[in-house]
Amino acid sequence: MQLNKSILTATLLAAASLAAVSNANAAVANGSFDVKLTIKETCSLQASKGTQDIEFGTHIAGSTALTSKSKADIKINCSNKTPYNIGLLGTGFMTDSVSTDKVSYKLLKTEGGDVWGNKTTGEVGGTGTGMASTKTKTHTVFAAIDGLTDDLTPGSYIDTVNVTVTY
């Protein structure tokens, strides 16, 4: 029995020394890799016909010195820390499909304030705080008709304003 233990011990020692020799002679190659992710800035815009329309209401033909004000909200989401600008482009007057009559209007940055320029490049802007619905930023567009004295042809007057968000 003692002989078996001695043989077993000698075998284990020989195997361990071979393993140590092979580990000491092992070559090592090193390398590395990156883990990457690119997030692109983005914006979404909520401004659609029928939903965000500016409505001046109904007026009687021949009304003199018509003054009317209205407003609509433009809602924007932009990725966090993304700067943006809003541009509005319309003709500046409403027409109907029956006559050649025109009704001038102004789009304003604040109620009774500065005119929002009629161009696609932005004059009003902000910085995005994220794309979640709770991060939506609202920009109100005010509109005014001042001093309309013409006897307009009855009809529905309209102009389409295109909204551009540059980011």
Foldseek 3Di string as FASTA:
>chain_A
DVVVVVVVVVVVVVVVVVVVVVVVVDDDDDDDDDDDDDDDKDKDKDDDPPQFDWDQDDDDFQDFFDKTKTKGKMKMAIAAFAKKFKAKAKPQWWDFPPDPDIFGKFKAQDVVHDTRDRDRGGPDIDTHHHDDPVRMDIGMIMMMGGGDRDRDDDGDIDMDMDMHMDD
